[in-house]
N, C-alpha and C. Protein backbone atom coordinates (compact mmCIF):
# COMPACT_ATOMS: atom_id res chain seq x y z
N UNK A 1 23.14 32.70 -95.14
CA UNK A 1 22.11 32.08 -94.34
C UNK A 1 22.02 30.59 -94.60
N UNK A 2 22.85 30.05 -95.42
CA UNK A 2 22.81 28.64 -95.74
C UNK A 2 23.03 27.77 -94.51
N UNK A 3 23.75 28.29 -93.53
CA UNK A 3 24.07 27.51 -92.35
C UNK A 3 23.30 28.00 -91.13
N UNK A 4 22.24 28.78 -91.35
CA UNK A 4 21.52 29.39 -90.24
C UNK A 4 20.71 28.35 -89.47
N UNK A 5 20.72 28.51 -88.15
CA UNK A 5 19.88 27.70 -87.27
C UNK A 5 18.85 28.64 -86.65
N UNK A 6 17.78 28.08 -86.13
CA UNK A 6 16.78 28.93 -85.51
C UNK A 6 16.51 28.48 -84.08
N UNK A 7 16.03 29.43 -83.30
CA UNK A 7 15.62 29.15 -81.93
C UNK A 7 14.27 29.83 -81.70
N UNK A 8 13.57 29.34 -80.72
CA UNK A 8 12.25 29.88 -80.39
C UNK A 8 12.42 31.27 -79.78
N UNK A 9 11.54 32.20 -80.19
CA UNK A 9 11.51 33.53 -79.58
C UNK A 9 10.67 33.45 -78.32
N UNK A 10 11.12 34.11 -77.25
CA UNK A 10 10.26 34.17 -76.07
C UNK A 10 9.14 35.18 -76.34
N UNK A 11 8.15 35.21 -75.47
CA UNK A 11 6.97 36.05 -75.68
C UNK A 11 7.34 37.53 -75.80
N UNK A 12 8.28 37.99 -75.00
CA UNK A 12 8.68 39.40 -75.03
C UNK A 12 9.32 39.76 -76.38
N UNK A 13 10.21 38.92 -76.87
CA UNK A 13 10.86 39.17 -78.16
C UNK A 13 9.84 39.10 -79.30
N UNK A 14 8.92 38.15 -79.20
CA UNK A 14 7.88 38.02 -80.22
C UNK A 14 7.01 39.27 -80.25
N UNK A 15 6.56 39.73 -79.10
CA UNK A 15 5.70 40.91 -79.05
C UNK A 15 6.44 42.15 -79.54
N UNK A 16 7.73 42.26 -79.21
CA UNK A 16 8.52 43.40 -79.68
C UNK A 16 8.64 43.37 -81.21
N UNK A 17 8.85 42.20 -81.77
CA UNK A 17 8.95 42.05 -83.23
C UNK A 17 7.65 42.44 -83.92
N UNK A 18 6.52 42.04 -83.35
CA UNK A 18 5.22 42.28 -83.99
C UNK A 18 4.62 43.65 -83.69
N UNK A 19 5.03 44.29 -82.62
CA UNK A 19 4.35 45.47 -82.09
C UNK A 19 4.21 46.63 -83.06
N UNK A 20 5.13 46.79 -83.98
CA UNK A 20 5.05 47.93 -84.89
C UNK A 20 4.14 47.65 -86.08
N UNK A 21 3.62 46.44 -86.20
CA UNK A 21 2.82 46.10 -87.37
C UNK A 21 3.72 45.97 -88.57
N UNK A 22 3.14 45.63 -89.69
CA UNK A 22 3.95 45.47 -90.89
C UNK A 22 3.20 44.68 -91.94
N UNK A 23 3.94 43.85 -92.63
CA UNK A 23 3.34 43.02 -93.67
C UNK A 23 3.68 41.56 -93.42
N UNK A 24 2.89 40.71 -94.01
CA UNK A 24 3.09 39.27 -93.90
C UNK A 24 2.25 38.58 -94.94
N UNK A 25 2.06 37.29 -94.76
CA UNK A 25 1.27 36.49 -95.70
C UNK A 25 0.19 35.75 -94.92
N UNK A 26 -1.05 35.91 -95.35
CA UNK A 26 -2.16 35.17 -94.75
C UNK A 26 -2.61 34.10 -95.74
N UNK A 27 -2.90 32.92 -95.22
CA UNK A 27 -3.32 31.80 -96.05
C UNK A 27 -4.64 31.26 -95.52
N UNK A 28 -5.59 31.10 -96.44
CA UNK A 28 -6.92 30.60 -96.12
C UNK A 28 -7.03 29.16 -96.59
N UNK A 29 -7.59 28.30 -95.75
CA UNK A 29 -7.81 26.90 -96.12
C UNK A 29 -8.86 26.82 -97.24
N UNK A 30 -8.63 25.91 -98.20
CA UNK A 30 -9.59 25.73 -99.29
C UNK A 30 -9.93 24.26 -99.49
N UNK A 31 -10.23 23.55 -98.45
CA UNK A 31 -10.69 22.16 -98.48
C UNK A 31 -10.21 21.37 -99.70
N UNK A 32 -9.07 20.74 -99.56
CA UNK A 32 -8.57 19.85 -100.60
C UNK A 32 -7.82 20.54 -101.73
N UNK A 33 -7.76 21.85 -101.73
CA UNK A 33 -7.01 22.60 -102.74
C UNK A 33 -5.85 23.32 -102.06
N UNK A 34 -4.97 23.86 -102.88
CA UNK A 34 -3.88 24.66 -102.33
C UNK A 34 -4.48 25.84 -101.56
N UNK A 35 -3.85 26.25 -100.46
CA UNK A 35 -4.37 27.41 -99.72
C UNK A 35 -4.40 28.66 -100.59
N UNK A 36 -5.33 29.55 -100.27
CA UNK A 36 -5.39 30.86 -100.91
C UNK A 36 -4.53 31.79 -100.06
N UNK A 37 -3.38 32.18 -100.58
CA UNK A 37 -2.41 32.98 -99.83
C UNK A 37 -2.23 34.34 -100.48
N UNK A 38 -2.07 35.37 -99.63
CA UNK A 38 -1.83 36.69 -100.18
C UNK A 38 -1.11 37.55 -99.16
N UNK A 39 -0.31 38.50 -99.67
CA UNK A 39 0.36 39.43 -98.76
C UNK A 39 -0.65 40.42 -98.19
N UNK A 40 -0.47 40.76 -96.91
CA UNK A 40 -1.37 41.70 -96.24
C UNK A 40 -0.58 42.57 -95.27
N UNK A 41 -1.17 43.70 -94.92
CA UNK A 41 -0.67 44.53 -93.83
C UNK A 41 -1.38 44.08 -92.56
N UNK A 42 -0.69 44.21 -91.44
CA UNK A 42 -1.29 43.82 -90.17
C UNK A 42 -0.91 44.80 -89.07
N UNK A 43 -1.71 44.79 -88.04
CA UNK A 43 -1.40 45.44 -86.78
C UNK A 43 -1.45 44.37 -85.71
N UNK A 44 -0.70 44.55 -84.65
CA UNK A 44 -0.66 43.55 -83.57
C UNK A 44 -0.78 44.28 -82.24
N UNK A 45 -1.64 43.76 -81.38
CA UNK A 45 -1.81 44.32 -80.04
C UNK A 45 -1.18 43.38 -79.03
N UNK A 46 -0.03 43.74 -78.46
CA UNK A 46 0.63 42.85 -77.52
C UNK A 46 -0.17 42.61 -76.23
N UNK A 47 -1.02 43.55 -75.87
CA UNK A 47 -1.80 43.37 -74.63
C UNK A 47 -2.82 42.24 -74.77
N UNK A 48 -3.46 42.14 -75.93
CA UNK A 48 -4.46 41.09 -76.14
C UNK A 48 -3.90 39.89 -76.89
N UNK A 49 -2.79 40.09 -77.62
CA UNK A 49 -2.23 39.02 -78.45
C UNK A 49 -3.00 38.84 -79.75
N UNK A 50 -3.79 39.83 -80.14
CA UNK A 50 -4.62 39.74 -81.34
C UNK A 50 -3.97 40.48 -82.51
N UNK A 51 -4.20 39.95 -83.70
CA UNK A 51 -3.78 40.59 -84.94
C UNK A 51 -4.99 41.28 -85.55
N UNK A 52 -4.75 42.39 -86.24
CA UNK A 52 -5.82 43.10 -86.95
C UNK A 52 -5.39 43.30 -88.39
N UNK A 53 -6.34 43.12 -89.29
CA UNK A 53 -6.08 43.23 -90.72
C UNK A 53 -7.11 44.15 -91.36
N UNK A 54 -6.68 44.92 -92.33
CA UNK A 54 -7.56 45.73 -93.17
C UNK A 54 -7.49 45.08 -94.55
N UNK A 55 -8.53 44.32 -94.90
CA UNK A 55 -8.51 43.58 -96.15
C UNK A 55 -9.40 44.25 -97.19
N UNK A 56 -8.88 44.38 -98.40
CA UNK A 56 -9.67 44.93 -99.50
C UNK A 56 -10.71 43.89 -99.89
N UNK A 57 -11.93 44.33 -100.01
CA UNK A 57 -13.03 43.46 -100.41
C UNK A 57 -13.78 44.15 -101.54
N UNK A 58 -14.80 43.53 -102.02
CA UNK A 58 -15.58 44.14 -103.08
C UNK A 58 -15.67 43.23 -104.28
N UNK A 59 -16.18 43.75 -105.37
CA UNK A 59 -16.45 42.91 -106.54
C UNK A 59 -15.20 42.30 -107.17
N UNK A 60 -14.04 42.94 -107.01
CA UNK A 60 -12.82 42.42 -107.63
C UNK A 60 -12.07 41.43 -106.75
N UNK A 61 -12.40 41.38 -105.47
CA UNK A 61 -11.61 40.58 -104.54
C UNK A 61 -12.22 39.22 -104.25
N UNK A 62 -11.33 38.25 -104.00
CA UNK A 62 -11.76 36.92 -103.60
C UNK A 62 -11.72 36.75 -102.09
N UNK A 63 -11.09 37.68 -101.38
CA UNK A 63 -10.89 37.52 -99.95
C UNK A 63 -12.19 37.31 -99.20
N UNK A 64 -13.23 38.03 -99.57
CA UNK A 64 -14.50 37.92 -98.85
C UNK A 64 -15.04 36.49 -98.90
N UNK A 65 -14.75 35.79 -99.98
CA UNK A 65 -15.19 34.39 -100.12
C UNK A 65 -14.53 33.50 -99.08
N UNK A 66 -13.27 33.80 -98.74
CA UNK A 66 -12.51 32.95 -97.83
C UNK A 66 -12.48 33.45 -96.40
N UNK A 67 -12.64 34.75 -96.20
CA UNK A 67 -12.53 35.35 -94.87
C UNK A 67 -13.83 35.17 -94.10
N UNK A 68 -14.13 33.93 -93.75
CA UNK A 68 -15.33 33.64 -92.98
C UNK A 68 -14.90 33.10 -91.61
N UNK A 69 -15.76 33.21 -90.61
CA UNK A 69 -15.39 32.73 -89.27
C UNK A 69 -15.10 31.24 -89.21
N UNK A 70 -15.58 30.46 -90.17
CA UNK A 70 -15.34 29.02 -90.12
C UNK A 70 -14.09 28.59 -90.88
N UNK A 71 -13.45 29.50 -91.59
CA UNK A 71 -12.29 29.14 -92.41
C UNK A 71 -11.00 29.24 -91.60
N UNK A 72 -10.26 28.13 -91.45
CA UNK A 72 -8.97 28.20 -90.77
C UNK A 72 -7.99 29.05 -91.58
N UNK A 73 -7.17 29.83 -90.87
CA UNK A 73 -6.15 30.64 -91.53
C UNK A 73 -4.82 30.45 -90.81
N UNK A 74 -3.77 30.73 -91.54
CA UNK A 74 -2.46 30.88 -90.92
C UNK A 74 -1.90 32.20 -91.41
N UNK A 75 -1.17 32.86 -90.55
CA UNK A 75 -0.57 34.14 -90.87
C UNK A 75 0.90 34.08 -90.51
N UNK A 76 1.76 34.54 -91.43
CA UNK A 76 3.20 34.55 -91.20
C UNK A 76 3.72 35.97 -91.37
N UNK A 77 4.38 36.48 -90.34
CA UNK A 77 5.09 37.75 -90.41
C UNK A 77 6.57 37.41 -90.34
N UNK A 78 7.37 38.06 -91.17
CA UNK A 78 8.81 37.76 -91.18
C UNK A 78 9.58 39.01 -91.58
N UNK A 79 10.81 39.07 -91.14
CA UNK A 79 11.66 40.21 -91.47
C UNK A 79 13.06 39.89 -90.99
N UNK A 80 13.99 40.74 -91.35
CA UNK A 80 15.35 40.65 -90.81
C UNK A 80 15.60 41.88 -89.96
N UNK A 81 16.37 41.69 -88.92
CA UNK A 81 16.75 42.78 -88.03
C UNK A 81 18.23 42.60 -87.73
N UNK A 82 19.01 43.61 -88.04
CA UNK A 82 20.46 43.52 -87.86
C UNK A 82 21.04 42.30 -88.57
N UNK A 83 20.51 41.98 -89.75
CA UNK A 83 21.02 40.88 -90.56
C UNK A 83 20.57 39.50 -90.13
N UNK A 84 19.71 39.43 -89.11
CA UNK A 84 19.22 38.13 -88.62
C UNK A 84 17.73 38.04 -88.88
N UNK A 85 17.27 36.88 -89.36
CA UNK A 85 15.86 36.73 -89.70
C UNK A 85 15.04 36.36 -88.46
N UNK A 86 13.77 36.75 -88.54
CA UNK A 86 12.78 36.45 -87.51
C UNK A 86 11.47 36.14 -88.21
N UNK A 87 10.68 35.28 -87.60
CA UNK A 87 9.36 35.00 -88.15
C UNK A 87 8.41 34.59 -87.04
N UNK A 88 7.13 34.88 -87.27
CA UNK A 88 6.07 34.48 -86.34
C UNK A 88 4.96 33.86 -87.17
N UNK A 89 4.42 32.74 -86.68
CA UNK A 89 3.31 32.07 -87.34
C UNK A 89 2.15 32.03 -86.35
N UNK A 90 1.00 32.50 -86.82
CA UNK A 90 -0.23 32.47 -86.02
C UNK A 90 -1.27 31.66 -86.78
N UNK A 91 -2.00 30.81 -86.08
CA UNK A 91 -3.10 30.07 -86.70
C UNK A 91 -4.37 30.31 -85.91
N UNK A 92 -5.48 30.23 -86.62
CA UNK A 92 -6.79 30.43 -85.99
C UNK A 92 -7.84 30.70 -87.04
N UNK A 93 -8.83 31.50 -86.67
CA UNK A 93 -9.90 31.88 -87.58
C UNK A 93 -10.10 33.39 -87.48
N UNK A 94 -10.43 34.01 -88.62
CA UNK A 94 -10.67 35.45 -88.63
C UNK A 94 -12.05 35.77 -88.11
N UNK A 95 -12.15 36.89 -87.44
CA UNK A 95 -13.44 37.43 -87.01
C UNK A 95 -13.59 38.79 -87.65
N UNK A 96 -14.72 39.03 -88.30
CA UNK A 96 -14.95 40.35 -88.89
C UNK A 96 -15.18 41.34 -87.76
N UNK A 97 -14.57 42.51 -87.88
CA UNK A 97 -14.74 43.57 -86.89
C UNK A 97 -15.69 44.59 -87.50
N UNK A 98 -16.96 44.50 -87.11
CA UNK A 98 -17.97 45.44 -87.60
C UNK A 98 -18.31 46.39 -86.47
N UNK A 99 -18.83 47.55 -86.83
CA UNK A 99 -19.20 48.52 -85.80
C UNK A 99 -20.19 47.94 -84.81
N UNK A 100 -21.13 47.13 -85.30
CA UNK A 100 -22.14 46.56 -84.43
C UNK A 100 -21.55 45.54 -83.45
N UNK A 101 -20.46 44.89 -83.86
CA UNK A 101 -19.88 43.82 -83.04
C UNK A 101 -18.71 44.28 -82.18
N UNK A 102 -18.32 45.53 -82.29
CA UNK A 102 -17.13 45.99 -81.57
C UNK A 102 -17.47 46.22 -80.10
N UNK A 103 -16.69 45.56 -79.24
CA UNK A 103 -16.83 45.86 -77.82
C UNK A 103 -15.66 46.75 -77.40
N UNK A 104 -15.69 47.21 -76.18
CA UNK A 104 -14.68 48.20 -75.74
C UNK A 104 -13.26 47.64 -75.80
N UNK A 105 -13.07 46.34 -75.58
CA UNK A 105 -11.72 45.79 -75.63
C UNK A 105 -11.17 45.82 -77.05
N UNK A 106 -12.01 45.58 -78.04
CA UNK A 106 -11.57 45.65 -79.44
C UNK A 106 -11.26 47.09 -79.82
N UNK A 107 -12.10 48.02 -79.39
CA UNK A 107 -11.86 49.44 -79.68
C UNK A 107 -10.51 49.86 -79.11
N UNK A 108 -10.24 49.49 -77.86
CA UNK A 108 -8.97 49.85 -77.23
C UNK A 108 -7.81 49.20 -77.96
N UNK A 109 -7.93 47.94 -78.34
CA UNK A 109 -6.85 47.25 -79.05
C UNK A 109 -6.60 47.92 -80.40
N UNK A 110 -7.65 48.28 -81.12
CA UNK A 110 -7.47 48.89 -82.43
C UNK A 110 -6.83 50.27 -82.31
N UNK A 111 -7.03 50.95 -81.21
CA UNK A 111 -6.36 52.24 -80.99
C UNK A 111 -4.86 52.06 -80.77
N UNK A 112 -4.47 50.89 -80.26
CA UNK A 112 -3.06 50.64 -79.96
C UNK A 112 -2.27 50.12 -81.16
N UNK A 113 -2.95 49.73 -82.24
CA UNK A 113 -2.22 49.13 -83.36
C UNK A 113 -2.08 50.10 -84.51
N UNK A 114 -1.08 49.82 -85.32
CA UNK A 114 -0.86 50.56 -86.57
C UNK A 114 -0.85 49.54 -87.70
N UNK A 115 -1.77 49.68 -88.63
CA UNK A 115 -1.80 48.81 -89.80
C UNK A 115 -1.31 49.64 -90.98
N UNK A 116 -0.14 49.32 -91.51
CA UNK A 116 0.36 50.11 -92.64
C UNK A 116 -0.60 50.04 -93.82
N UNK A 117 -0.77 51.14 -94.52
CA UNK A 117 -1.58 51.16 -95.73
C UNK A 117 -0.62 51.06 -96.90
N UNK A 118 -0.60 49.90 -97.52
CA UNK A 118 0.29 49.64 -98.64
C UNK A 118 -0.54 49.74 -99.91
N UNK A 119 -0.11 50.58 -100.85
CA UNK A 119 -0.86 50.81 -102.09
C UNK A 119 -0.43 49.80 -103.15
N UNK A 120 -1.24 48.75 -103.33
CA UNK A 120 -0.95 47.72 -104.33
C UNK A 120 -2.12 47.56 -105.29
N UNK A 121 -2.95 48.57 -105.37
CA UNK A 121 -4.19 48.44 -106.12
C UNK A 121 -4.09 49.17 -107.46
N UNK A 122 -4.97 48.80 -108.38
CA UNK A 122 -5.03 49.44 -109.69
C UNK A 122 -5.63 50.83 -109.62
N UNK A 123 -6.20 51.16 -108.48
CA UNK A 123 -6.81 52.48 -108.30
C UNK A 123 -6.42 53.00 -106.92
N UNK A 124 -6.73 54.25 -106.67
CA UNK A 124 -6.36 54.89 -105.41
C UNK A 124 -7.00 54.12 -104.24
N UNK A 125 -6.25 53.92 -103.12
CA UNK A 125 -6.81 53.19 -101.98
C UNK A 125 -8.11 53.77 -101.44
N UNK A 126 -8.35 55.07 -101.63
CA UNK A 126 -9.62 55.65 -101.16
C UNK A 126 -10.80 55.13 -101.96
N UNK A 127 -10.54 54.56 -103.13
CA UNK A 127 -11.61 54.01 -103.96
C UNK A 127 -11.81 52.52 -103.72
N UNK A 128 -11.01 51.94 -102.83
CA UNK A 128 -11.08 50.51 -102.55
C UNK A 128 -11.88 50.31 -101.26
N UNK A 129 -12.76 49.33 -101.26
CA UNK A 129 -13.56 49.01 -100.08
C UNK A 129 -12.76 48.08 -99.17
N UNK A 130 -12.64 48.45 -97.90
CA UNK A 130 -11.89 47.66 -96.93
C UNK A 130 -12.83 47.20 -95.81
N UNK A 131 -12.50 46.06 -95.23
CA UNK A 131 -13.16 45.58 -94.02
C UNK A 131 -12.06 45.20 -93.03
N UNK A 132 -12.37 45.33 -91.75
CA UNK A 132 -11.41 44.99 -90.71
C UNK A 132 -11.71 43.61 -90.16
N UNK A 133 -10.64 42.88 -89.87
CA UNK A 133 -10.75 41.53 -89.31
C UNK A 133 -9.77 41.41 -88.16
N UNK A 134 -10.11 40.50 -87.25
CA UNK A 134 -9.25 40.22 -86.10
C UNK A 134 -8.93 38.73 -86.11
N UNK A 135 -7.69 38.41 -85.79
CA UNK A 135 -7.27 37.03 -85.62
C UNK A 135 -6.89 36.84 -84.16
N UNK A 136 -7.66 36.02 -83.47
CA UNK A 136 -7.33 35.63 -82.10
C UNK A 136 -6.64 34.27 -82.25
N UNK A 137 -5.32 34.23 -82.14
CA UNK A 137 -4.60 33.00 -82.46
C UNK A 137 -4.92 31.84 -81.53
N UNK A 138 -5.12 30.67 -82.15
CA UNK A 138 -5.18 29.42 -81.40
C UNK A 138 -3.77 28.99 -81.03
N UNK A 139 -2.85 29.29 -81.94
CA UNK A 139 -1.43 28.98 -81.73
C UNK A 139 -0.60 30.13 -82.26
N UNK A 140 0.46 30.48 -81.53
CA UNK A 140 1.33 31.60 -81.91
C UNK A 140 2.76 31.22 -81.57
N UNK A 141 3.60 31.11 -82.60
CA UNK A 141 4.99 30.72 -82.37
C UNK A 141 5.91 31.69 -83.09
N UNK A 142 7.04 31.95 -82.49
CA UNK A 142 8.04 32.82 -83.09
C UNK A 142 9.40 32.15 -83.10
N UNK A 143 10.14 32.40 -84.18
CA UNK A 143 11.49 31.85 -84.31
C UNK A 143 12.42 32.97 -84.77
N UNK A 144 13.66 32.86 -84.39
CA UNK A 144 14.66 33.81 -84.82
C UNK A 144 15.94 33.04 -85.13
N UNK A 145 16.78 33.70 -85.89
CA UNK A 145 18.06 33.08 -86.23
C UNK A 145 18.89 32.93 -84.97
N UNK A 146 19.48 31.76 -84.81
CA UNK A 146 20.31 31.50 -83.63
C UNK A 146 21.61 32.30 -83.71
N UNK A 147 22.09 32.71 -82.57
CA UNK A 147 23.38 33.41 -82.51
C UNK A 147 24.49 32.40 -82.80
N UNK A 148 25.50 32.79 -83.58
CA UNK A 148 26.59 31.86 -83.86
C UNK A 148 27.32 31.46 -82.59
N UNK A 149 27.73 30.20 -82.55
CA UNK A 149 28.49 29.72 -81.39
C UNK A 149 29.94 30.11 -81.57
N UNK A 150 30.55 30.60 -80.53
CA UNK A 150 31.96 31.00 -80.58
C UNK A 150 32.84 29.95 -79.97
């Protein structure tokens, strides 16, 4: 990959890459400090273009401190497919998805997504408190490895 070039993914290729959900890295702005970044599982709804996250919160987690509607975030999903890398970067702000705030479009979108449950905790995931968040991207870009020129 030392000589790899990249090209922009069109919307269809981007949505296909994201549609199955997976893992990526979310970074929260920390005003003048290094961003707070952590790996997360995500779901993506191609119909709305929204990302959904199930974030562990509670007394042990710092995420709740940063996951506020006013905090800018960036999210990066990346993977290789058939030996070629792909990545998508989304920027915006997280919105907490609470039962009281859920409208029918969010309910429908959440039914269409799959958020993998990755066990990275010191205790069973059923003992961990989770909250759901949605990212409505202000900007969404995808890149993939360019095909070699013949």
